């Protein structure tokens, strides 16, 4: 599940599907490479997240895989305003 606030930001970028697979496919169209990690129990408690996605010099923590993909996608889309989700 992707939080409503992130869904609104994605909608502003032209992304209207918020499922895990759709977000992963959108991310893969824009990102050359990324690493998604499921955190072990103690770091998950410490950092209050279950997944971490690393991409370039950025790290994004999330509760779900879909949220991790969404955060990384938003970071990419906000970096390069000339790229559009249709590319």
PDB file of N, CA and C in Angstrom:
ATOM      1  N   UNK A   1       0.840  -1.184   0.000  1.00  0.00           N
ATOM      2  CA  UNK A   1       0.000   0.000   0.000  1.00  0.00           C
ATOM      3  C   UNK A   1       0.884   1.246   0.000  1.00  0.00           C
ATOM      4  N   UNK A   2       0.495   2.189  -0.806  1.00  0.00           N
ATOM      5  CA  UNK A   2       1.232   3.449  -0.917  1.00  0.00           C
ATOM      6  C   UNK A   2       0.412   4.534  -0.210  1.00  0.00           C
ATOM      7  N   UNK A   3       1.024   5.288   0.702  1.00  0.00           N
ATOM      8  CA  UNK A   3       0.298   6.350   1.402  1.00  0.00           C
ATOM      9  C   UNK A   3      -0.307   7.369   0.433  1.00  0.00           C
ATOM     10  N   UNK A   4      -1.411   7.951   0.833  1.00  0.00           N
ATOM     11  CA  UNK A   4      -2.153   8.889  -0.008  1.00  0.00           C
ATOM     12  C   UNK A   4      -1.285  10.065  -0.451  1.00  0.00           C
ATOM     13  N   UNK A   5      -0.474  10.595   0.427  1.00  0.00           N
ATOM     14  CA  UNK A   5       0.387  11.735   0.103  1.00  0.00           C
ATOM     15  C   UNK A   5       1.333  11.391  -1.065  1.00  0.00           C
ATOM     16  N   UNK A   6       1.881  10.190  -1.059  1.00  0.00           N
ATOM     17  CA  UNK A   6       2.778   9.759  -2.136  1.00  0.00           C
ATOM     18  C   UNK A   6       1.980   9.517  -3.418  1.00  0.00           C
ATOM     19  N   UNK A   7       0.780   8.971  -3.277  1.00  0.00           N
ATOM     20  CA  UNK A   7      -0.078   8.748  -4.449  1.00  0.00           C
ATOM     21  C   UNK A   7      -0.393  10.080  -5.148  1.00  0.00           C
ATOM     22  N   UNK A   8      -0.643  11.111  -4.375  1.00  0.00           N
ATOM     23  CA  UNK A   8      -0.934  12.429  -4.947  1.00  0.00           C
ATOM     24  C   UNK A   8       0.279  12.964  -5.712  1.00  0.00           C
ATOM     25  N   UNK A   9       1.461  12.791  -5.149  1.00  0.00           N
ATOM     26  CA  UNK A   9       2.674  13.249  -5.821  1.00  0.00           C
ATOM     27  C   UNK A   9       2.914  12.462  -7.107  1.00  0.00           C
ATOM     28  N   UNK A  10       2.656  11.160  -7.062  1.00  0.00           N
ATOM     29  CA  UNK A  10       2.804  10.339  -8.262  1.00  0.00           C
ATOM     30  C   UNK A  10       1.806  10.771  -9.339  1.00  0.00           C
ATOM     31  N   UNK A  11       0.587  11.075  -8.923  1.00  0.00           N
ATOM     32  CA  UNK A  11      -0.441  11.520  -9.871  1.00  0.00           C
ATOM     33  C   UNK A  11      -0.013  12.805 -10.571  1.00  0.00           C
ATOM     34  N   UNK A  12       0.644  13.701  -9.848  1.00  0.00           N
ATOM     35  CA  UNK A  12       1.131  14.947 -10.440  1.00  0.00           C
ATOM     36  C   UNK A  12       2.211  14.681 -11.488  1.00  0.00           C
ATOM     37  N   UNK A  13       2.881  13.531 -11.355  1.00  0.00           N
ATOM     38  CA  UNK A  13       3.921  13.148 -12.323  1.00  0.00           C
ATOM     39  C   UNK A  13       3.354  12.278 -13.439  1.00  0.00           C
ATOM     40  N   UNK A  14       2.040  12.036 -13.416  1.00  0.00           N
ATOM     41  CA  UNK A  14       1.411  11.242 -14.463  1.00  0.00           C
ATOM     42  C   UNK A  14       1.354   9.757 -14.185  1.00  0.00           C
ATOM     43  N   UNK A  15       1.683   9.333 -12.974  1.00  0.00           N
ATOM     44  CA  UNK A  15       1.627   7.912 -12.603  1.00  0.00           C
ATOM     45  C   UNK A  15       0.273   7.665 -11.949  1.00  0.00           C
ATOM     46  N   UNK A  16      -0.497   6.736 -12.502  1.00  0.00           N
ATOM     47  CA  UNK A  16      -1.834   6.500 -11.966  1.00  0.00           C
ATOM     48  C   UNK A  16      -2.038   5.088 -11.420  1.00  0.00           C
ATOM     49  N   UNK A  17      -1.076   4.213 -11.617  1.00  0.00           N
ATOM     50  CA  UNK A  17      -1.172   2.859 -11.066  1.00  0.00           C
ATOM     51  C   UNK A  17      -0.210   2.743  -9.900  1.00  0.00           C
ATOM     52  N   UNK A  18      -0.708   2.234  -8.775  1.00  0.00           N
ATOM     53  CA  UNK A  18       0.076   2.242  -7.544  1.00  0.00           C
ATOM     54  C   UNK A  18       0.396   0.848  -7.021  1.00  0.00           C
ATOM     55  N   UNK A  19       0.171  -0.168  -7.830  1.00  0.00           N
ATOM     56  CA  UNK A  19       0.501  -1.528  -7.422  1.00  0.00           C
ATOM     57  C   UNK A  19       2.004  -1.748  -7.472  1.00  0.00           C
ATOM     58  N   UNK A  20       2.456  -2.756  -6.755  1.00  0.00           N
ATOM     59  CA  UNK A  20       3.887  -3.046  -6.675  1.00  0.00           C
ATOM     60  C   UNK A  20       4.502  -3.287  -8.056  1.00  0.00           C
ATOM     61  N   UNK A  21       3.859  -4.089  -8.872  1.00  0.00           N
ATOM     62  CA  UNK A  21       4.410  -4.419 -10.188  1.00  0.00           C
ATOM     63  C   UNK A  21       4.435  -3.190 -11.101  1.00  0.00           C
ATOM     64  N   UNK A  22       3.354  -2.433 -11.121  1.00  0.00           N
ATOM     65  CA  UNK A  22       3.299  -1.234 -11.972  1.00  0.00           C
ATOM     66  C   UNK A  22       4.363  -0.216 -11.559  1.00  0.00           C
ATOM     67  N   UNK A  23       4.553  -0.032 -10.268  1.00  0.00           N
ATOM     68  CA  UNK A  23       5.561   0.914  -9.789  1.00  0.00           C
ATOM     69  C   UNK A  23       6.968   0.418 -10.102  1.00  0.00           C
ATOM     70  N   UNK A  24       7.202  -0.887  -9.958  1.00  0.00           N
ATOM     71  CA  UNK A  24       8.521  -1.444 -10.287  1.00  0.00           C
ATOM     72  C   UNK A  24       8.822  -1.251 -11.766  1.00  0.00           C
ATOM     73  N   UNK A  25       7.843  -1.524 -12.616  1.00  0.00           N
ATOM     74  CA  UNK A  25       8.050  -1.359 -14.057  1.00  0.00           C
ATOM     75  C   UNK A  25       8.309   0.100 -14.418  1.00  0.00           C
ATOM     76  N   UNK A  26       7.593   1.015 -13.786  1.00  0.00           N
ATOM     77  CA  UNK A  26       7.817   2.445 -14.034  1.00  0.00           C
ATOM     78  C   UNK A  26       9.210   2.847 -13.569  1.00  0.00           C
ATOM     79  N   UNK A  27       9.625   2.354 -12.408  1.00  0.00           N
ATOM     80  CA  UNK A  27      10.957   2.664 -11.898  1.00  0.00           C
ATOM     81  C   UNK A  27      12.022   2.133 -12.840  1.00  0.00           C
ATOM     82  N   UNK A  28      11.841   0.930 -13.344  1.00  0.00           N
ATOM     83  CA  UNK A  28      12.834   0.334 -14.231  1.00  0.00           C
ATOM     84  C   UNK A  28      12.929   1.063 -15.568  1.00  0.00           C
ATOM     85  N   UNK A  29      11.865   1.746 -15.970  1.00  0.00           N
ATOM     86  CA  UNK A  29      11.935   2.558 -17.188  1.00  0.00           C
ATOM     87  C   UNK A  29      12.798   3.804 -16.982  1.00  0.00           C
ATOM     88  N   UNK A  30      12.894   4.267 -15.735  1.00  0.00           N
ATOM     89  CA  UNK A  30      13.606   5.510 -15.441  1.00  0.00           C
ATOM     90  C   UNK A  30      14.963   5.301 -14.777  1.00  0.00           C
ATOM     91  N   UNK A  31      15.151   4.201 -14.082  1.00  0.00           N
ATOM     92  CA  UNK A  31      16.388   3.982 -13.322  1.00  0.00           C
ATOM     93  C   UNK A  31      17.280   2.979 -14.040  1.00  0.00           C
ATOM     94  N   UNK A  32      18.541   3.317 -14.116  1.00  0.00           N
ATOM     95  CA  UNK A  32      19.492   2.392 -14.710  1.00  0.00           C
ATOM     96  C   UNK A  32      19.700   1.187 -13.795  1.00  0.00           C
ATOM     97  N   UNK A  33      19.819   1.463 -12.499  1.00  0.00           N
ATOM     98  CA  UNK A  33      20.004   0.383 -11.526  1.00  0.00           C
ATOM     99  C   UNK A  33      19.535   0.844 -10.147  1.00  0.00           C
ATOM    100  N   UNK A  34      19.142  -0.109  -9.329  1.00  0.00           N
ATOM    101  CA  UNK A  34      18.749   0.157  -7.947  1.00  0.00           C
ATOM    102  C   UNK A  34      18.897  -1.139  -7.159  1.00  0.00           C
ATOM    103  N   UNK A  35      18.900  -1.030  -5.843  1.00  0.00           N
ATOM    104  CA  UNK A  35      18.967  -2.199  -4.967  1.00  0.00           C
ATOM    105  C   UNK A  35      17.877  -2.069  -3.922  1.00  0.00           C
ATOM    106  N   UNK A  36      17.049  -3.101  -3.814  1.00  0.00           N
ATOM    107  CA  UNK A  36      15.983  -3.143  -2.811  1.00  0.00           C
ATOM    108  C   UNK A  36      16.362  -4.171  -1.763  1.00  0.00           C
ATOM    109  N   UNK A  37      16.325  -3.769  -0.498  1.00  0.00           N
ATOM    110  CA  UNK A  37      16.678  -4.671   0.603  1.00  0.00           C
ATOM    111  C   UNK A  37      15.521  -4.774   1.579  1.00  0.00           C
ATOM    112  N   UNK A  38      15.279  -5.999   2.036  1.00  0.00           N
ATOM    113  CA  UNK A  38      14.345  -6.203   3.148  1.00  0.00           C
ATOM    114  C   UNK A  38      15.198  -6.187   4.406  1.00  0.00           C
ATOM    115  N   UNK A  39      14.860  -5.311   5.328  1.00  0.00           N
ATOM    116  CA  UNK A  39      15.676  -5.155   6.529  1.00  0.00           C
ATOM    117  C   UNK A  39      15.399  -6.258   7.539  1.00  0.00           C
ATOM    118  N   UNK A  40      16.427  -6.636   8.256  1.00  0.00           N
ATOM    119  CA  UNK A  40      16.300  -7.607   9.342  1.00  0.00           C
ATOM    120  C   UNK A  40      15.471  -6.968  10.465  1.00  0.00           C
ATOM    121  N   UNK A  41      14.970  -7.794  11.397  1.00  0.00           N
ATOM    122  CA  UNK A  41      14.087  -7.255  12.446  1.00  0.00           C
ATOM    123  C   UNK A  41      14.676  -6.112  13.276  1.00  0.00           C
ATOM    124  N   UNK A  42      15.932  -6.196  13.717  1.00  0.00           N
ATOM    125  CA  UNK A  42      16.436  -5.129  14.589  1.00  0.00           C
ATOM    126  C   UNK A  42      16.616  -3.806  13.856  1.00  0.00           C
ATOM    127  N   UNK A  43      17.137  -3.776  12.592  1.00  0.00           N
ATOM    128  CA  UNK A  43      17.177  -2.469  11.918  1.00  0.00           C
ATOM    129  C   UNK A  43      15.779  -1.947  11.589  1.00  0.00           C
ATOM    130  N   UNK A  44      14.852  -2.854  11.290  1.00  0.00           N
ATOM    131  CA  UNK A  44      13.480  -2.432  10.993  1.00  0.00           C
ATOM    132  C   UNK A  44      12.876  -1.723  12.199  1.00  0.00           C
ATOM    133  N   UNK A  45      13.130  -2.244  13.383  1.00  0.00           N
ATOM    134  CA  UNK A  45      12.623  -1.582  14.597  1.00  0.00           C
ATOM    135  C   UNK A  45      13.339  -0.253  14.833  1.00  0.00           C
ATOM    136  N   UNK A  46      14.641  -0.266  14.632  1.00  0.00           N
ATOM    137  CA  UNK A  46      15.427   0.943  14.891  1.00  0.00           C
ATOM    138  C   UNK A  46      15.057   2.074  13.930  1.00  0.00           C
ATOM    139  N   UNK A  47      14.937   1.756  12.640  1.00  0.00           N
ATOM    140  CA  UNK A  47      14.676   2.786  11.633  1.00  0.00           C
ATOM    141  C   UNK A  47      13.199   2.906  11.280  1.00  0.00           C
ATOM    142  N   UNK A  48      12.360   2.093  11.911  1.00  0.00           N
ATOM    143  CA  UNK A  48      10.906   2.132  11.714  1.00  0.00           C
ATOM    144  C   UNK A  48      10.498   1.988  10.249  1.00  0.00           C
ATOM    145  N   UNK A  49      11.158   1.039   9.568  1.00  0.00           N
ATOM    146  CA  UNK A  49      10.807   0.709   8.190  1.00  0.00           C
ATOM    147  C   UNK A  49      11.193  -0.742   7.936  1.00  0.00           C
ATOM    148  N   UNK A  50      10.637  -1.317   6.903  1.00  0.00           N
ATOM    149  CA  UNK A  50      10.905  -2.726   6.603  1.00  0.00           C
ATOM    150  C   UNK A  50      11.731  -2.907   5.339  1.00  0.00           C
ATOM    151  N   UNK A  51      11.739  -1.894   4.478  1.00  0.00           N
ATOM    152  CA  UNK A  51      12.457  -1.991   3.206  1.00  0.00           C
ATOM    153  C   UNK A  51      13.284  -0.746   2.980  1.00  0.00           C
ATOM    154  N   UNK A  52      14.404  -0.928   2.299  1.00  0.00           N
ATOM    155  CA  UNK A  52      15.261   0.195   1.927  1.00  0.00           C
ATOM    156  C   UNK A  52      15.630   0.003   0.466  1.00  0.00           C
ATOM    157  N   UNK A  53      15.463   1.065  -0.314  1.00  0.00           N
ATOM    158  CA  UNK A  53      15.872   1.030  -1.708  1.00  0.00           C
ATOM    159  C   UNK A  53      17.014   2.015  -1.868  1.00  0.00           C
ATOM    160  N   UNK A  54      18.078   1.560  -2.529  1.00  0.00           N
ATOM    161  CA  UNK A  54      19.254   2.392  -2.750  1.00  0.00           C
ATOM    162  C   UNK A  54      19.405   2.601  -4.247  1.00  0.00           C
ATOM    163  N   UNK A  55      19.626   3.853  -4.597  1.00  0.00           N
ATOM    164  CA  UNK A  55      19.707   4.204  -6.004  1.00  0.00           C
ATOM    165  C   UNK A  55      20.638   5.393  -6.118  1.00  0.00           C
ATOM    166  N   UNK A  56      21.739   5.207  -6.810  1.00  0.00           N
ATOM    167  CA  UNK A  56      22.728   6.286  -6.891  1.00  0.00           C
ATOM    168  C   UNK A  56      23.215   6.632  -5.498  1.00  0.00           C
ATOM    169  N   UNK A  57      23.145   7.894  -5.153  1.00  0.00           N
ATOM    170  CA  UNK A  57      23.579   8.308  -3.813  1.00  0.00           C
ATOM    171  C   UNK A  57      22.398   8.422  -2.849  1.00  0.00           C
ATOM    172  N   UNK A  58      21.200   8.047  -3.298  1.00  0.00           N
ATOM    173  CA  UNK A  58      20.018   8.158  -2.446  1.00  0.00           C
ATOM    174  C   UNK A  58      19.611   6.841  -1.797  1.00  0.00           C
ATOM    175  N   UNK A  59      19.046   6.963  -0.615  1.00  0.00           N
ATOM    176  CA  UNK A  59      18.493   5.830   0.120  1.00  0.00           C
ATOM    177  C   UNK A  59      17.096   6.210   0.573  1.00  0.00           C
ATOM    178  N   UNK A  60      16.139   5.314   0.362  1.00  0.00           N
ATOM    179  CA  UNK A  60      14.752   5.609   0.693  1.00  0.00           C
ATOM    180  C   UNK A  60      14.193   4.458   1.519  1.00  0.00           C
ATOM    181  N   UNK A  61      13.678   4.771   2.693  1.00  0.00           N
ATOM    182  CA  UNK A  61      13.122   3.779   3.605  1.00  0.00           C
ATOM    183  C   UNK A  61      11.608   3.752   3.483  1.00  0.00           C
ATOM    184  N   UNK A  62      11.044   2.542   3.549  1.00  0.00           N
ATOM    185  CA  UNK A  62       9.601   2.393   3.346  1.00  0.00           C
ATOM    186  C   UNK A  62       9.053   1.230   4.159  1.00  0.00           C
ATOM    187  N   UNK A  63       7.741   1.245   4.319  1.00  0.00           N
ATOM    188  CA  UNK A  63       7.064   0.168   5.027  1.00  0.00           C
ATOM    189  C   UNK A  63       6.759  -1.010   4.110  1.00  0.00           C
ATOM    190  N   UNK A  64       6.519  -0.727   2.820  1.00  0.00           N
ATOM    191  CA  UNK A  64       6.191  -1.786   1.858  1.00  0.00           C
ATOM    192  C   UNK A  64       7.092  -1.657   0.637  1.00  0.00           C
ATOM    193  N   UNK A  65       7.136  -2.716  -0.156  1.00  0.00           N
ATOM    194  CA  UNK A  65       7.919  -2.693  -1.385  1.00  0.00           C
ATOM    195  C   UNK A  65       7.362  -1.643  -2.339  1.00  0.00           C
ATOM    196  N   UNK A  66       6.040  -1.588  -2.470  1.00  0.00           N
ATOM    197  CA  UNK A  66       5.412  -0.614  -3.365  1.00  0.00           C
ATOM    198  C   UNK A  66       5.774   0.809  -2.953  1.00  0.00           C
ATOM    199  N   UNK A  67       5.775   1.076  -1.664  1.00  0.00           N
ATOM    200  CA  UNK A  67       6.138   2.411  -1.187  1.00  0.00           C
ATOM    201  C   UNK A  67       7.600   2.724  -1.502  1.00  0.00           C
ATOM    202  N   UNK A  68       8.475   1.740  -1.375  1.00  0.00           N
ATOM    203  CA  UNK A  68       9.893   1.945  -1.703  1.00  0.00           C
ATOM    204  C   UNK A  68      10.055   2.291  -3.177  1.00  0.00           C
ATOM    205  N   UNK A  69       9.383   1.543  -4.052  1.00  0.00           N
ATOM    206  CA  UNK A  69       9.445   1.844  -5.486  1.00  0.00           C
ATOM    207  C   UNK A  69       8.904   3.242  -5.762  1.00  0.00           C
ATOM    208  N   UNK A  70       7.807   3.594  -5.110  1.00  0.00           N
ATOM    209  CA  UNK A  70       7.190   4.901  -5.324  1.00  0.00           C
ATOM    210  C   UNK A  70       8.130   6.031  -4.899  1.00  0.00           C
ATOM    211  N   UNK A  71       8.773   5.892  -3.761  1.00  0.00           N
ATOM    212  CA  UNK A  71       9.691   6.928  -3.283  1.00  0.00           C
ATOM    213  C   UNK A  71      10.873   7.103  -4.226  1.00  0.00           C
ATOM    214  N   UNK A  72      11.430   5.987  -4.690  1.00  0.00           N
ATOM    215  CA  UNK A  72      12.559   6.062  -5.618  1.00  0.00           C
ATOM    216  C   UNK A  72      12.128   6.688  -6.944  1.00  0.00           C
ATOM    217  N   UNK A  73      10.947   6.328  -7.411  1.00  0.00           N
ATOM    218  CA  UNK A  73      10.419   6.882  -8.658  1.00  0.00           C
ATOM    219  C   UNK A  73      10.199   8.386  -8.536  1.00  0.00           C
ATOM    220  N   UNK A  74       9.638   8.809  -7.422  1.00  0.00           N
ATOM    221  CA  UNK A  74       9.443  10.246  -7.199  1.00  0.00           C
ATOM    222  C   UNK A  74      10.777  10.987  -7.175  1.00  0.00           C
ATOM    223  N   UNK A  75      11.772  10.391  -6.556  1.00  0.00           N
ATOM    224  CA  UNK A  75      13.094  11.032  -6.506  1.00  0.00           C
ATOM    225  C   UNK A  75      13.657  11.198  -7.915  1.00  0.00           C
ATOM    226  N   UNK A  76      13.512  10.180  -8.736  1.00  0.00           N
ATOM    227  CA  UNK A  76      14.002  10.270 -10.113  1.00  0.00           C
ATOM    228  C   UNK A  76      13.242  11.305 -10.922  1.00  0.00           C
ATOM    229  N   UNK A  77      11.939  11.295 -10.801  1.00  0.00           N
ATOM    230  CA  UNK A  77      11.116  12.214 -11.583  1.00  0.00           C
ATOM    231  C   UNK A  77      11.311  13.664 -11.149  1.00  0.00           C
ATOM    232  N   UNK A  78      11.580  13.879  -9.876  1.00  0.00           N
ATOM    233  CA  UNK A  78      11.801  15.255  -9.422  1.00  0.00           C
ATOM    234  C   UNK A  78      13.201  15.745  -9.781  1.00  0.00           C
ATOM    235  N   UNK A  79      14.162  14.830  -9.962  1.00  0.00           N
ATOM    236  CA  UNK A  79      15.515  15.196 -10.379  1.00  0.00           C
ATOM    237  C   UNK A  79      15.551  15.710 -11.803  1.00  0.00           C
ATOM    238  N   UNK A  80      14.821  15.036 -12.695  1.00  0.00           N
ATOM    239  CA  UNK A  80      14.887  15.383 -14.113  1.00  0.00           C
ATOM    240  C   UNK A  80      13.492  15.764 -14.618  1.00  0.00           C
ATOM    241  N   UNK A  81      13.143  17.047 -14.527  1.00  0.00           N
ATOM    242  CA  UNK A  81      11.815  17.477 -14.923  1.00  0.00           C
ATOM    243  C   UNK A  81      11.530  17.263 -16.412  1.00  0.00           C
ATOM    244  N   UNK A  82      12.573  17.129 -17.257  1.00  0.00           N
ATOM    245  CA  UNK A  82      12.314  16.913 -18.667  1.00  0.00           C
ATOM    246  C   UNK A  82      11.857  15.494 -18.961  1.00  0.00           C
ATOM    247  N   UNK A  83      12.098  14.540 -18.054  1.00  0.00           N
ATOM    248  CA  UNK A  83      11.647  13.168 -18.322  1.00  0.00           C
ATOM    249  C   UNK A  83      10.178  13.042 -17.937  1.00  0.00           C
ATOM    250  N   UNK A  84       9.473  12.300 -18.709  1.00  0.00           N
ATOM    251  CA  UNK A  84       8.047  12.096 -18.437  1.00  0.00           C
ATOM    252  C   UNK A  84       7.791  10.618 -18.267  1.00  0.00           C
ATOM    253  N   UNK A  85       6.747  10.220 -17.547  1.00  0.00           N
ATOM    254  CA  UNK A  85       6.462   8.814 -17.311  1.00  0.00           C
ATOM    255  C   UNK A  85       6.201   8.035 -18.605  1.00  0.00           C
ATOM    256  N   UNK A  86       5.871   8.703 -19.690  1.00  0.00           N
ATOM    257  CA  UNK A  86       5.570   8.009 -20.935  1.00  0.00           C
ATOM    258  C   UNK A  86       6.829   7.546 -21.651  1.00  0.00           C
ATOM    259  N   UNK A  87       8.008   8.028 -21.236  1.00  0.00           N
ATOM    260  CA  UNK A  87       9.259   7.651 -21.916  1.00  0.00           C
ATOM    261  C   UNK A  87       9.652   6.248 -21.587  1.00  0.00           C
TER     262      UNK A  87
END
